[in-house]
Amino acid sequence: MSPDKQKASRRFPSAGEDIAHWRRDPSTPQTQSPAYRLAFDDPDFLCRDELRPMRLQLELMKPEIILQERGIQSTVVIFGGSRIPEPGSDDVRAASDAIAAKLKQKAVHYDTAREFARLASRESAKSYGRDFVVVSGGGPGIMEAANRGATDEGAPSIGLNIVLPHEQRPNLYITPELCFQFHYFAVRKMHFLMRAKALAAFPGGFGTLDELFETLTLIQTKKVEPMPVLLFGEAFWRRIIDFDALAEEGTISPEDLKLFHFVEEAEIGWQIVQDWYGL
């Protein structure tokens, strides 16, 4: 229901109206006491440990309500390292020249992620931005490339940011109205997958690996519908993770190796998505 219709049908004052009313109360020891604050307008109260279940629910609901209001039905999720720079950029945070050189070698993935997002956004335009909307973790590096690719097509894109001490500020290519901030990793991960129709994982660190294996586990255990899982940069992934050894050791099934595809080029990755959904 739209805010105007809600207002027209409301019999009681809205929460916002009551907040405005109580803030106009005369200043007395009673009205200045924290106990007098409305519970839903009291940050100190809402941040108590006992209110964690409520905060989890609010963090789940806020993006969901906004995405529903925007009519966004499905997404293409793009993961990847925050430290991978744009080609030609000197923005490399590394401990040594050798590591900096390795990160600069991976800069090619920035362009690939940007192009893959552009292709997804071109498809999204056919549904007026309701399907195959690009979503990233909201930060720099590969995440920035993803949102930038959507911007190249003039398409909206989503950023799911999270409060961290470093490496996490919203990149400037996220659609501002779709730039969300999370406190809980678990709720953020749910939002990554609630509408996902494809996952593209580029070289990255613990966060990328966490999201990748979360997705593969959910598909393997049939907790989510199967979807294309694309691993860009086969050499990186095979060096970091010996998938074949997991099957040989019996800890995964040989069939589980078919849950993902190694790809190098954006066009090939998007063709896999097109073929999967008959686009």
C-alpha atoms as a PDB file:
ATOM      1  CA  MET A   1       0.000   0.000   0.000  1.00  0.00           C
ATOM      2  CA  SER A   2       1.334   3.449  -0.906  1.00  0.00           C
ATOM      3  CA  PRO A   3       2.112   5.944   1.908  1.00  0.00           C
ATOM      4  CA  ASP A   4      -0.763   8.174   0.734  1.00  0.00           C
ATOM      5  CA  LYS A   5      -3.282   5.311   0.906  1.00  0.00           C
ATOM      6  CA  GLN A   6      -1.923   4.247   4.281  1.00  0.00           C
ATOM      7  CA  LYS A   7      -2.408   7.777   5.597  1.00  0.00           C
ATOM      8  CA  ALA A   8      -5.932   7.987   4.197  1.00  0.00           C
ATOM      9  CA  SER A   9      -6.951   4.693   5.818  1.00  0.00           C
ATOM     10  CA  ARG A  10      -5.200   5.204   9.169  1.00  0.00           C
ATOM     11  CA  ARG A  11      -7.392   5.611  12.251  1.00  0.00           C
ATOM     12  CA  PHE A  12      -4.552   6.300  14.675  1.00  0.00           C
ATOM     13  CA  PRO A  13      -1.606   8.705  14.584  1.00  0.00           C
ATOM     14  CA  SER A  14       1.402   7.393  12.690  1.00  0.00           C
ATOM     15  CA  ALA A  15       4.658   6.599  14.452  1.00  0.00           C
ATOM     16  CA  GLY A  16       6.237   9.649  12.821  1.00  0.00           C
ATOM     17  CA  GLU A  17       3.439  11.900  14.048  1.00  0.00           C
ATOM     18  CA  ASP A  18       3.808  10.639  17.608  1.00  0.00           C
ATOM     19  CA  ILE A  19       7.561  11.213  17.498  1.00  0.00           C
ATOM     20  CA  ALA A  20       6.947  14.802  16.424  1.00  0.00           C
ATOM     21  CA  HIS A  21       4.393  15.248  19.196  1.00  0.00           C
ATOM     22  CA  TRP A  22       6.538  13.975  22.064  1.00  0.00           C
ATOM     23  CA  ARG A  23       9.569  15.986  20.957  1.00  0.00           C
ATOM     24  CA  ARG A  24       7.474  19.134  21.426  1.00  0.00           C
ATOM     25  CA  ASP A  25       6.781  18.263  25.083  1.00  0.00           C
ATOM     26  CA  PRO A  26       8.171  20.791  27.573  1.00  0.00           C
ATOM     27  CA  SER A  27      11.620  20.022  28.924  1.00  0.00           C
ATOM     28  CA  THR A  28      11.322  18.589  32.408  1.00  0.00           C
ATOM     29  CA  PRO A  29      13.296  15.956  34.330  1.00  0.00           C
ATOM     30  CA  GLN A  30      10.593  13.509  33.378  1.00  0.00           C
ATOM     31  CA  THR A  31      10.544  14.214  29.643  1.00  0.00           C
ATOM     32  CA  GLN A  32      14.361  14.241  29.484  1.00  0.00           C
ATOM     33  CA  SER A  33      14.621  10.813  31.080  1.00  0.00           C
ATOM     34  CA  PRO A  34      15.561   7.949  28.699  1.00  0.00           C
ATOM     35  CA  ALA A  35      12.623   6.000  30.093  1.00  0.00           C
ATOM     36  CA  TYR A  36      10.241   8.555  28.550  1.00  0.00           C
ATOM     37  CA  ARG A  37      11.444   8.073  25.006  1.00  0.00           C
ATOM     38  CA  LEU A  38       9.225   6.140  22.634  1.00  0.00           C
ATOM     39  CA  ALA A  39      10.781   2.666  22.378  1.00  0.00           C
ATOM     40  CA  PHE A  40      11.061   2.766  18.567  1.00  0.00           C
ATOM     41  CA  ASP A  41      12.710   6.234  18.730  1.00  0.00           C
ATOM     42  CA  ASP A  42      15.285   5.305  21.347  1.00  0.00           C
ATOM     43  CA  PRO A  43      18.638   4.261  19.798  1.00  0.00           C
ATOM     44  CA  ASP A  44      20.140   3.333  23.143  1.00  0.00           C
ATOM     45  CA  PHE A  45      17.265   0.952  23.814  1.00  0.00           C
ATOM     46  CA  LEU A  46      17.278  -0.529  20.307  1.00  0.00           C
ATOM     47  CA  CYS A  47      21.013  -1.233  20.572  1.00  0.00           C
ATOM     48  CA  ARG A  48      20.747  -3.279  23.749  1.00  0.00           C
ATOM     49  CA  ASP A  49      21.909  -6.893  23.491  1.00  0.00           C
ATOM     50  CA  GLU A  50      18.406  -8.081  24.372  1.00  0.00           C
ATOM     51  CA  LEU A  51      17.047  -6.372  21.230  1.00  0.00           C
ATOM     52  CA  ARG A  52      19.317  -8.281  18.822  1.00  0.00           C
ATOM     53  CA  PRO A  53      16.418 -10.414  17.476  1.00  0.00           C
ATOM     54  CA  MET A  54      14.519  -7.213  16.653  1.00  0.00           C
ATOM     55  CA  ARG A  55      17.536  -5.695  14.907  1.00  0.00           C
ATOM     56  CA  LEU A  56      17.999  -8.855  12.848  1.00  0.00           C
ATOM     57  CA  GLN A  57      14.392  -8.635  11.727  1.00  0.00           C
ATOM     58  CA  LEU A  58      14.628  -4.935  10.895  1.00  0.00           C
ATOM     59  CA  GLU A  59      17.801  -5.485   8.889  1.00  0.00           C
ATOM     60  CA  LEU A  60      16.079  -8.219   6.915  1.00  0.00           C
ATOM     61  CA  MET A  61      12.910  -6.216   6.340  1.00  0.00           C
ATOM     62  CA  LYS A  62      14.239  -2.785   5.373  1.00  0.00           C
ATOM     63  CA  PRO A  63      15.990  -3.796   2.113  1.00  0.00           C
ATOM     64  CA  GLU A  64      13.224  -6.283   1.333  1.00  0.00           C
ATOM     65  CA  ILE A  65      10.505  -3.642   1.541  1.00  0.00           C
ATOM     66  CA  ILE A  66      12.499  -1.196  -0.582  1.00  0.00           C
ATOM     67  CA  LEU A  67      13.299  -3.816  -3.234  1.00  0.00           C
ATOM     68  CA  GLN A  68       9.644  -4.851  -3.348  1.00  0.00           C
ATOM     69  CA  GLU A  69       8.598  -1.226  -3.780  1.00  0.00           C
ATOM     70  CA  ARG A  70      11.055  -0.904  -6.669  1.00  0.00           C
ATOM     71  CA  GLY A  71       9.610  -4.045  -8.265  1.00  0.00           C
ATOM     72  CA  ILE A  72      12.964  -5.844  -8.348  1.00  0.00           C
ATOM     73  CA  GLN A  73      12.272  -9.543  -8.834  1.00  0.00           C
ATOM     74  CA  SER A  74      15.663 -11.117  -9.607  1.00  0.00           C
ATOM     75  CA  THR A  75      19.345 -10.272  -9.432  1.00  0.00           C
ATOM     76  CA  VAL A  76      22.765 -11.212 -10.761  1.00  0.00           C
ATOM     77  CA  VAL A  77      25.263 -11.355  -7.895  1.00  0.00           C
ATOM     78  CA  ILE A  78      28.887 -10.379  -8.522  1.00  0.00           C
ATOM     79  CA  PHE A  79      31.515 -11.144  -5.872  1.00  0.00           C
ATOM     80  CA  GLY A  80      35.224 -10.399  -5.898  1.00  0.00           C
ATOM     81  CA  GLY A  81      38.164  -8.894  -4.081  1.00  0.00           C
ATOM     82  CA  SER A  82      38.026  -5.323  -2.787  1.00  0.00           C
ATOM     83  CA  ARG A  83      41.790  -4.987  -3.321  1.00  0.00           C
ATOM     84  CA  ILE A  84      41.809  -5.659  -7.051  1.00  0.00           C
ATOM     85  CA  PRO A  85      42.406  -2.286  -8.734  1.00  0.00           C
ATOM     86  CA  GLU A  86      41.117  -0.776 -11.929  1.00  0.00           C
ATOM     87  CA  PRO A  87      43.702  -1.221 -14.731  1.00  0.00           C
ATOM     88  CA  GLY A  88      46.151   1.658 -14.671  1.00  0.00           C
ATOM     89  CA  SER A  89      45.253   2.611 -11.099  1.00  0.00           C
ATOM     90  CA  ASP A  90      47.867   2.983  -8.386  1.00  0.00           C
ATOM     91  CA  ASP A  91      45.334   2.141  -5.688  1.00  0.00           C
ATOM     92  CA  VAL A  92      46.970  -1.062  -4.466  1.00  0.00           C
ATOM     93  CA  ARG A  93      47.101  -1.741  -0.736  1.00  0.00           C
ATOM     94  CA  ALA A  94      49.692  -4.456  -0.300  1.00  0.00           C
ATOM     95  CA  ALA A  95      52.438  -5.446   2.105  1.00  0.00           C
ATOM     96  CA  SER A  96      55.181  -5.744  -0.500  1.00  0.00           C
ATOM     97  CA  ASP A  97      56.064  -4.933  -4.080  1.00  0.00           C
ATOM     98  CA  ALA A  98      55.639  -8.605  -5.002  1.00  0.00           C
ATOM     99  CA  ILE A  99      52.063  -8.679  -3.712  1.00  0.00           C
ATOM    100  CA  ALA A 100      51.309  -5.324  -5.340  1.00  0.00           C
ATOM    101  CA  ALA A 101      52.497  -6.753  -8.640  1.00  0.00           C
ATOM    102  CA  LYS A 102      50.201  -9.761  -8.265  1.00  0.00           C
ATOM    103  CA  LEU A 103      47.216  -7.537  -7.528  1.00  0.00           C
ATOM    104  CA  LYS A 104      47.961  -5.380 -10.569  1.00  0.00           C
ATOM    105  CA  GLN A 105      48.073  -8.533 -12.699  1.00  0.00           C
ATOM    106  CA  LYS A 106      44.538  -9.270 -11.519  1.00  0.00           C
ATOM    107  CA  ALA A 107      43.332  -5.836 -12.643  1.00  0.00           C
ATOM    108  CA  VAL A 108      42.110  -7.467 -15.864  1.00  0.00           C
ATOM    109  CA  HIS A 109      39.295  -8.953 -13.790  1.00  0.00           C
ATOM    110  CA  TYR A 110      38.037  -5.441 -13.028  1.00  0.00           C
ATOM    111  CA  ASP A 111      37.304  -4.902 -16.700  1.00  0.00           C
ATOM    112  CA  THR A 112      35.784  -8.378 -17.058  1.00  0.00           C
ATOM    113  CA  ALA A 113      33.468  -7.826 -14.092  1.00  0.00           C
ATOM    114  CA  ARG A 114      32.465  -4.451 -15.467  1.00  0.00           C
ATOM    115  CA  GLU A 115      31.634  -5.962 -18.857  1.00  0.00           C
ATOM    116  CA  PHE A 116      29.740  -8.885 -17.336  1.00  0.00           C
ATOM    117  CA  ALA A 117      27.642  -6.434 -15.306  1.00  0.00           C
ATOM    118  CA  ARG A 118      27.008  -4.388 -18.416  1.00  0.00           C
ATOM    119  CA  LEU A 119      25.706  -7.448 -20.262  1.00  0.00           C
ATOM    120  CA  ALA A 120      23.463  -8.385 -17.329  1.00  0.00           C
ATOM    121  CA  SER A 121      22.139  -4.828 -17.176  1.00  0.00           C
ATOM    122  CA  ARG A 122      21.377  -4.836 -20.880  1.00  0.00           C
ATOM    123  CA  GLU A 123      19.175  -7.885 -20.274  1.00  0.00           C
ATOM    124  CA  SER A 124      17.676  -6.211 -17.196  1.00  0.00           C
ATOM    125  CA  ALA A 125      16.566  -3.255 -19.310  1.00  0.00           C
ATOM    126  CA  LYS A 126      14.172  -5.553 -21.181  1.00  0.00           C
ATOM    127  CA  SER A 127      12.174  -5.905 -17.949  1.00  0.00           C
ATOM    128  CA  TYR A 128      12.544  -2.197 -17.102  1.00  0.00           C
ATOM    129  CA  GLY A 129      14.996  -2.976 -14.320  1.00  0.00           C
ATOM    130  CA  ARG A 130      12.990  -5.676 -12.577  1.00  0.00           C
ATOM    131  CA  ASP A 131      14.975  -8.816 -13.522  1.00  0.00           C
ATOM    132  CA  PHE A 132      18.707  -9.595 -13.630  1.00  0.00           C
ATOM    133  CA  VAL A 133      19.562  -6.471 -11.632  1.00  0.00           C
ATOM    134  CA  VAL A 134      23.267  -6.350 -10.727  1.00  0.00           C
ATOM    135  CA  VAL A 135      24.060  -6.594  -7.018  1.00  0.00           C
ATOM    136  CA  SER A 136      27.503  -6.314  -5.446  1.00  0.00           C
ATOM    137  CA  GLY A 137      28.948  -6.095  -1.962  1.00  0.00           C
ATOM    138  CA  GLY A 138      28.979  -2.342  -2.421  1.00  0.00           C
ATOM    139  CA  GLY A 139      32.665  -1.638  -1.838  1.00  0.00           C
ATOM    140  CA  PRO A 140      35.723  -1.029  -4.050  1.00  0.00           C
ATOM    141  CA  GLY A 141      37.585  -3.333  -6.429  1.00  0.00           C
ATOM    142  CA  ILE A 142      35.498  -5.947  -8.216  1.00  0.00           C
ATOM    143  CA  MET A 143      32.413  -4.700  -6.391  1.00  0.00           C
ATOM    144  CA  GLU A 144      32.915  -1.239  -7.844  1.00  0.00           C
ATOM    145  CA  ALA A 145      33.427  -2.729 -11.299  1.00  0.00           C
ATOM    146  CA  ALA A 146      30.084  -4.519 -11.035  1.00  0.00           C
ATOM    147  CA  ASN A 147      28.104  -1.404 -10.163  1.00  0.00           C
ATOM    148  CA  ARG A 148      30.072   0.596 -12.722  1.00  0.00           C
ATOM    149  CA  GLY A 149      29.134  -1.826 -15.482  1.00  0.00           C
ATOM    150  CA  ALA A 150      25.458  -1.290 -14.680  1.00  0.00           C
ATOM    151  CA  THR A 151      26.005   2.469 -14.747  1.00  0.00           C
ATOM    152  CA  ASP A 152      27.575   2.126 -18.204  1.00  0.00           C
ATOM    153  CA  GLU A 153      24.181   0.863 -19.404  1.00  0.00           C
ATOM    154  CA  GLY A 154      22.256   3.511 -17.476  1.00  0.00           C
ATOM    155  CA  ALA A 155      20.764   0.728 -15.349  1.00  0.00           C
ATOM    156  CA  PRO A 156      20.097   0.607 -11.608  1.00  0.00           C
ATOM    157  CA  SER A 157      22.269  -1.608  -9.428  1.00  0.00           C
ATOM    158  CA  ILE A 158      22.301  -2.665  -5.804  1.00  0.00           C
ATOM    159  CA  GLY A 159      25.071  -2.396  -3.220  1.00  0.00           C
ATOM    160  CA  LEU A 160      24.940  -4.433  -0.016  1.00  0.00           C
ATOM    161  CA  ASN A 161      27.480  -2.704   2.191  1.00  0.00           C
ATOM    162  CA  ILE A 162      28.508  -3.779   5.668  1.00  0.00           C
ATOM    163  CA  VAL A 163      30.084  -1.860   8.523  1.00  0.00           C
ATOM    164  CA  LEU A 164      33.795  -2.754   8.624  1.00  0.00           C
ATOM    165  CA  PRO A 165      36.831  -0.944  10.035  1.00  0.00           C
ATOM    166  CA  HIS A 166      38.432  -0.721   6.576  1.00  0.00           C
ATOM    167  CA  GLU A 167      37.958  -1.495   2.880  1.00  0.00           C
ATOM    168  CA  GLN A 168      34.204  -0.899   2.934  1.00  0.00           C
ATOM    169  CA  ARG A 169      32.755   2.391   1.797  1.00  0.00           C
ATOM    170  CA  PRO A 170      29.970   2.553  -0.794  1.00  0.00           C
ATOM    171  CA  ASN A 171      31.380   2.954  -4.272  1.00  0.00           C
ATOM    172  CA  LEU A 172      30.022   5.864  -6.286  1.00  0.00           C
ATOM    173  CA  TYR A 173      28.334   3.704  -8.944  1.00  0.00           C
ATOM    174  CA  ILE A 174      25.622   2.164  -6.739  1.00  0.00           C
ATOM    175  CA  THR A 175      22.133   3.514  -7.307  1.00  0.00           C
ATOM    176  CA  PRO A 176      21.774   5.680  -4.167  1.00  0.00           C
ATOM    177  CA  GLU A 177      18.235   4.468  -3.454  1.00  0.00           C
ATOM    178  CA  LEU A 178      19.523   0.873  -3.592  1.00  0.00           C
ATOM    179  CA  CYS A 179      22.609   1.361  -1.429  1.00  0.00           C
ATOM    180  CA  PHE A 180      22.051  -0.609   1.768  1.00  0.00           C
ATOM    181  CA  GLN A 181      24.095  -0.842   4.953  1.00  0.00           C
ATOM    182  CA  PHE A 182      24.266  -3.977   7.127  1.00  0.00           C
ATOM    183  CA  HIS A 183      25.520  -4.802  10.587  1.00  0.00           C
ATOM    184  CA  TYR A 184      24.959  -8.580  10.378  1.00  0.00           C
ATOM    185  CA  PHE A 185      26.864 -10.646   7.823  1.00  0.00           C
ATOM    186  CA  ALA A 186      24.218 -13.382   8.013  1.00  0.00           C
ATOM    187  CA  VAL A 187      21.361 -11.084   6.988  1.00  0.00           C
ATOM    188  CA  ARG A 188      23.461  -9.551   4.215  1.00  0.00           C
ATOM    189  CA  LYS A 189      24.195 -13.035   2.846  1.00  0.00           C
ATOM    190  CA  MET A 190      20.488 -13.817   2.802  1.00  0.00           C
ATOM    191  CA  HIS A 191      19.822 -10.725   0.706  1.00  0.00           C
ATOM    192  CA  PHE A 192      22.534 -11.728  -1.752  1.00  0.00           C
ATOM    193  CA  LEU A 193      20.685 -14.944  -2.523  1.00  0.00           C
ATOM    194  CA  MET A 194      16.990 -14.205  -1.969  1.00  0.00           C
ATOM    195  CA  ARG A 195      16.572 -12.996  -5.566  1.00  0.00           C
ATOM    196  CA  ALA A 196      19.720 -14.397  -7.196  1.00  0.00           C
ATOM    197  CA  LYS A 197      19.499 -15.962 -10.650  1.00  0.00           C
ATOM    198  CA  ALA A 198      23.254 -16.208 -11.165  1.00  0.00           C
ATOM    199  CA  LEU A 199      26.467 -15.794  -9.208  1.00  0.00           C
ATOM    200  CA  ALA A 200      29.733 -14.572 -10.704  1.00  0.00           C
ATOM    201  CA  ALA A 201      32.756 -14.973  -8.435  1.00  0.00           C
ATOM    202  CA  PHE A 202      36.029 -13.248  -9.307  1.00  0.00           C
ATOM    203  CA  PRO A 203      39.355 -13.663  -7.487  1.00  0.00           C
ATOM    204  CA  GLY A 204      39.067 -12.463  -3.909  1.00  0.00           C
ATOM    205  CA  GLY A 205      39.787 -13.212  -0.298  1.00  0.00           C
ATOM    206  CA  PHE A 206      37.950 -14.665   2.691  1.00  0.00           C
ATOM    207  CA  GLY A 207      34.740 -12.773   1.961  1.00  0.00           C
ATOM    208  CA  THR A 208      34.564 -13.969  -1.622  1.00  0.00           C
ATOM    209  CA  LEU A 209      35.320 -17.548  -0.587  1.00  0.00           C
ATOM    210  CA  ASP A 210      32.708 -17.354   2.147  1.00  0.00           C
ATOM    211  CA  GLU A 211      29.976 -16.211  -0.249  1.00  0.00           C
ATOM    212  CA  LEU A 212      30.997 -18.722  -2.910  1.00  0.00           C
ATOM    213  CA  PHE A 213      30.954 -21.746  -0.603  1.00  0.00           C
ATOM    214  CA  GLU A 214      27.755 -20.590   1.064  1.00  0.00           C
ATOM    215  CA  THR A 215      26.085 -20.557  -2.358  1.00  0.00           C
ATOM    216  CA  LEU A 216      27.529 -23.898  -3.455  1.00  0.00           C
ATOM    217  CA  THR A 217      26.468 -25.498  -0.158  1.00  0.00           C
ATOM    218  CA  LEU A 218      22.912 -24.222  -0.509  1.00  0.00           C
ATOM    219  CA  ILE A 219      22.692 -25.495  -4.077  1.00  0.00           C
ATOM    220  CA  GLN A 220      24.306 -28.829  -3.169  1.00  0.00           C
ATOM    221  CA  THR A 221      21.865 -29.363  -0.299  1.00  0.00           C
ATOM    222  CA  LYS A 222      18.903 -28.143  -2.391  1.00  0.00           C
ATOM    223  CA  LYS A 223      18.185 -25.261  -0.047  1.00  0.00           C
ATOM    224  CA  VAL A 224      18.053 -22.942  -3.054  1.00  0.00           C
ATOM    225  CA  GLU A 225      17.160 -23.526  -6.676  1.00  0.00           C
ATOM    226  CA  PRO A 226      20.153 -24.363  -8.911  1.00  0.00           C
ATOM    227  CA  MET A 227      21.648 -21.372 -10.729  1.00  0.00           C
ATOM    228  CA  PRO A 228      24.706 -20.659 -12.855  1.00  0.00           C
ATOM    229  CA  VAL A 229      27.788 -20.240 -10.644  1.00  0.00           C
ATOM    230  CA  LEU A 230      30.631 -18.739 -12.663  1.00  0.00           C
ATOM    231  CA  LEU A 231      34.239 -18.731 -11.452  1.00  0.00           C
ATOM    232  CA  PHE A 232      36.180 -16.141 -13.430  1.00  0.00           C
ATOM    233  CA  GLY A 233      39.910 -16.781 -13.685  1.00  0.00           C
ATOM    234  CA  GLU A 234      40.377 -20.552 -13.703  1.00  0.00           C
ATOM    235  CA  ALA A 235      44.102 -20.393 -12.933  1.00  0.00           C
ATOM    236  CA  PHE A 236      43.435 -18.487  -9.717  1.00  0.00           C
ATOM    237  CA  TRP A 237      40.665 -20.778  -8.538  1.00  0.00           C
ATOM    238  CA  ARG A 238      42.529 -24.004  -9.288  1.00  0.00           C
ATOM    239  CA  ARG A 239      45.596 -22.717  -7.444  1.00  0.00           C
ATOM    240  CA  ILE A 240      43.613 -21.588  -4.408  1.00  0.00           C
ATOM    241  CA  ILE A 241      41.172 -24.529  -4.161  1.00  0.00           C
ATOM    242  CA  ASP A 242      41.774 -28.111  -5.303  1.00  0.00           C
ATOM    243  CA  PHE A 243      38.174 -28.965  -6.166  1.00  0.00           C
ATOM    244  CA  ASP A 244      39.182 -32.280  -7.739  1.00  0.00           C
ATOM    245  CA  ALA A 245      40.960 -33.319  -4.535  1.00  0.00           C
ATOM    246  CA  LEU A 246      37.743 -32.779  -2.570  1.00  0.00           C
ATOM    247  CA  ALA A 247      35.994 -35.231  -4.878  1.00  0.00           C
ATOM    248  CA  GLU A 248      38.906 -37.677  -4.803  1.00  0.00           C
ATOM    249  CA  GLU A 249      38.900 -37.589  -0.990  1.00  0.00           C
ATOM    250  CA  GLY A 250      35.196 -38.360  -1.007  1.00  0.00           C
ATOM    251  CA  THR A 251      34.182 -35.219   0.870  1.00  0.00           C
ATOM    252  CA  ILE A 252      32.087 -34.046  -2.074  1.00  0.00           C
ATOM    253  CA  SER A 253      30.491 -35.999  -4.898  1.00  0.00           C
ATOM    254  CA  PRO A 254      32.033 -35.947  -8.386  1.00  0.00           C
ATOM    255  CA  GLU A 255      28.649 -34.574  -9.491  1.00  0.00           C
ATOM    256  CA  ASP A 256      29.241 -31.545  -7.272  1.00  0.00           C
ATOM    257  CA  LEU A 257      32.010 -30.453  -9.640  1.00  0.00           C
ATOM    258  CA  LYS A 258      29.254 -29.636 -12.113  1.00  0.00           C
ATOM    259  CA  LEU A 259      27.745 -27.016  -9.819  1.00  0.00           C
ATOM    260  CA  PHE A 260      30.058 -24.320 -11.208  1.00  0.00           C
ATOM    261  CA  HIS A 261      31.750 -23.258 -14.444  1.00  0.00           C
ATOM    262  CA  PHE A 262      35.226 -21.858 -14.990  1.00  0.00           C
ATOM    263  CA  VAL A 263      35.144 -18.902 -17.373  1.00  0.00           C
ATOM    264  CA  GLU A 264      37.535 -16.208 -18.536  1.00  0.00           C
ATOM    265  CA  GLU A 265      35.491 -13.839 -20.665  1.00  0.00           C
ATOM    266  CA  ALA A 266      32.401 -11.848 -19.764  1.00  0.00           C
ATOM    267  CA  GLU A 267      30.626 -12.806 -22.980  1.00  0.00           C
ATOM    268  CA  ILE A 268      31.110 -16.523 -22.372  1.00  0.00           C
ATOM    269  CA  GLY A 269      29.926 -16.184 -18.779  1.00  0.00           C
ATOM    270  CA  TRP A 270      26.805 -14.332 -19.827  1.00  0.00           C
ATOM    271  CA  GLN A 271      26.136 -16.882 -22.581  1.00  0.00           C
ATOM    272  CA  ILE A 272      25.995 -19.571 -19.885  1.00  0.00           C
ATOM    273  CA  VAL A 273      23.346 -17.529 -18.066  1.00  0.00           C
ATOM    274  CA  GLN A 274      21.418 -16.974 -21.291  1.00  0.00           C
ATOM    275  CA  ASP A 275      21.474 -20.659 -22.132  1.00  0.00           C
ATOM    276  CA  TRP A 276      20.418 -21.625 -18.606  1.00  0.00           C
ATOM    277  CA  TYR A 277      17.290 -19.447 -18.722  1.00  0.00           C
ATOM    278  CA  GLY A 278      16.604 -19.595 -22.436  1.00  0.00           C
ATOM    279  CA  LEU A 279      17.050 -15.866 -22.896  1.00  0.00           C
END
